[in-house]
C-alpha atoms as a PDB file:
ATOM      1  CA  UNK A   1     -46.047 -68.008 132.848  1.00  0.00           C
ATOM      2  CA  UNK A   2     -46.635 -71.931 131.941  1.00  0.00           C
ATOM      3  CA  UNK A   3     -49.871 -73.556 130.291  1.00  0.00           C
ATOM      4  CA  UNK A   4     -50.908 -77.338 129.740  1.00  0.00           C
ATOM      5  CA  UNK A   5     -51.001 -78.786 126.283  1.00  0.00           C
ATOM      6  CA  UNK A   6     -52.065 -81.970 124.905  1.00  0.00           C
ATOM      7  CA  UNK A   7     -50.410 -84.058 123.232  1.00  0.00           C
ATOM      8  CA  UNK A   8     -52.573 -85.822 120.775  1.00  0.00           C
ATOM      9  CA  UNK A   9     -50.730 -88.640 120.031  1.00  0.00           C
ATOM     10  CA  UNK A  10     -50.896 -89.224 123.362  1.00  0.00           C
ATOM     11  CA  UNK A  11     -54.224 -88.350 124.446  1.00  0.00           C
ATOM     12  CA  UNK A  12     -56.938 -91.727 124.155  1.00  0.00           C
ATOM     13  CA  UNK A  13     -59.754 -89.560 124.439  1.00  0.00           C
ATOM     14  CA  UNK A  14     -61.547 -90.624 127.460  1.00  0.00           C
ATOM     15  CA  UNK A  15     -64.767 -90.070 128.165  1.00  0.00           C
ATOM     16  CA  UNK A  16     -65.211 -88.466 129.924  1.00  0.00           C
ATOM     17  CA  UNK A  17     -61.685 -86.509 130.294  1.00  0.00           C
ATOM     18  CA  UNK A  18     -60.253 -86.786 133.802  1.00  0.00           C
ATOM     19  CA  UNK A  19     -57.874 -84.006 132.860  1.00  0.00           C
ATOM     20  CA  UNK A  20     -60.582 -81.753 131.880  1.00  0.00           C
ATOM     21  CA  UNK A  21     -62.711 -82.780 135.064  1.00  0.00           C
ATOM     22  CA  UNK A  22     -59.711 -81.753 137.175  1.00  0.00           C
ATOM     23  CA  UNK A  23     -59.575 -78.370 135.234  1.00  0.00           C
ATOM     24  CA  UNK A  24     -60.693 -75.738 137.913  1.00  0.00           C
ATOM     25  CA  UNK A  25     -60.575 -73.098 135.139  1.00  0.00           C
ATOM     26  CA  UNK A  26     -62.849 -74.744 132.260  1.00  0.00           C
ATOM     27  CA  UNK A  27     -60.146 -74.674 130.135  1.00  0.00           C
ATOM     28  CA  UNK A  28     -60.906 -77.941 128.327  1.00  0.00           C
ATOM     29  CA  UNK A  29     -63.261 -77.998 125.267  1.00  0.00           C
ATOM     30  CA  UNK A  30     -63.988 -80.296 122.328  1.00  0.00           C
ATOM     31  CA  UNK A  31     -65.101 -79.282 118.723  1.00  0.00           C
ATOM     32  CA  UNK A  32     -67.768 -82.890 118.843  1.00  0.00           C
ATOM     33  CA  UNK A  33     -67.907 -85.450 121.172  1.00  0.00           C
ATOM     34  CA  UNK A  34     -65.621 -87.546 119.701  1.00  0.00           C
ATOM     35  CA  UNK A  35     -63.164 -85.113 118.998  1.00  0.00           C
ATOM     36  CA  UNK A  36     -59.971 -85.033 120.885  1.00  0.00           C
ATOM     37  CA  UNK A  37     -60.028 -81.786 123.811  1.00  0.00           C
ATOM     38  CA  UNK A  38     -57.504 -79.184 123.283  1.00  0.00           C
ATOM     39  CA  UNK A  39     -56.736 -76.093 125.907  1.00  0.00           C
ATOM     40  CA  UNK A  40     -57.792 -72.332 125.684  1.00  0.00           C
ATOM     41  CA  UNK A  41     -54.723 -70.795 126.709  1.00  0.00           C
ATOM     42  CA  UNK A  42     -56.434 -67.812 127.987  1.00  0.00           C
ATOM     43  CA  UNK A  43     -58.501 -69.684 130.162  1.00  0.00           C
ATOM     44  CA  UNK A  44     -55.627 -71.841 131.708  1.00  0.00           C
ATOM     45  CA  UNK A  45     -54.005 -70.737 134.937  1.00  0.00           C
ATOM     46  CA  UNK A  46     -50.934 -73.032 134.571  1.00  0.00           C
ATOM     47  CA  UNK A  47     -51.418 -75.212 137.979  1.00  0.00           C
ATOM     48  CA  UNK A  48     -51.710 -78.448 135.524  1.00  0.00           C
ATOM     49  CA  UNK A  49     -54.231 -80.485 137.906  1.00  0.00           C
ATOM     50  CA  UNK A  50     -54.929 -81.471 134.430  1.00  0.00           C
ATOM     51  CA  UNK A  51     -51.583 -83.231 134.213  1.00  0.00           C
ATOM     52  CA  UNK A  52     -51.808 -84.812 137.326  1.00  0.00           C
ATOM     53  CA  UNK A  53     -55.082 -86.211 136.210  1.00  0.00           C
ATOM     54  CA  UNK A  54     -54.180 -87.694 133.191  1.00  0.00           C
ATOM     55  CA  UNK A  55     -53.572 -91.531 133.054  1.00  0.00           C
ATOM     56  CA  UNK A  56     -51.959 -91.301 129.844  1.00  0.00           C
ATOM     57  CA  UNK A  57     -49.373 -88.488 130.723  1.00  0.00           C
ATOM     58  CA  UNK A  58     -50.819 -86.691 127.236  1.00  0.00           C
ATOM     59  CA  UNK A  59     -49.959 -83.116 128.997  1.00  0.00           C
ATOM     60  CA  UNK A  60     -47.094 -80.708 128.820  1.00  0.00           C
ATOM     61  CA  UNK A  61     -46.506 -77.630 130.456  1.00  0.00           C
ATOM     62  CA  UNK A  62     -44.979 -75.464 127.973  1.00  0.00           C
ATOM     63  CA  UNK A  63     -43.736 -71.576 129.145  1.00  0.00           C
ATOM     64  CA  UNK A  64     -44.363 -69.111 126.805  1.00  0.00           C
ATOM     65  CA  UNK A  65     -41.848 -65.991 127.178  1.00  0.00           C
ATOM     66  CA  UNK A  66     -42.379 -62.672 127.520  1.00  0.00           C
ATOM     67  CA  UNK A  67     -43.086 -60.637 124.010  1.00  0.00           C
ATOM     68  CA  UNK A  68     -39.635 -58.729 123.892  1.00  0.00           C
ATOM     69  CA  UNK A  69     -41.688 -55.109 125.600  1.00  0.00           C
ATOM     70  CA  UNK A  70     -42.098 -56.392 128.908  1.00  0.00           C
ATOM     71  CA  UNK A  71     -45.621 -58.101 128.496  1.00  0.00           C
ATOM     72  CA  UNK A  72     -46.389 -61.813 129.144  1.00  0.00           C
ATOM     73  CA  UNK A  73     -48.851 -63.684 127.710  1.00  0.00           C
ATOM     74  CA  UNK A  74     -50.667 -66.058 124.635  1.00  0.00           C
END
């Protein structure tokens, strides 16, 4: 199961966040307007449209293995 991960050191904190606008699941959040965005793994579908939209290549796909009990998830 893939999810999007934002690398804080690469994120330029664009206003508005183009990756967040590309997200159809509305998985991007900010604690405050000046804070960098973060991805809610429970909302992220893994489509990675955000990765294609980010001009700074700050988004990486990550995979989470199953938990050993045949369950996948976060």
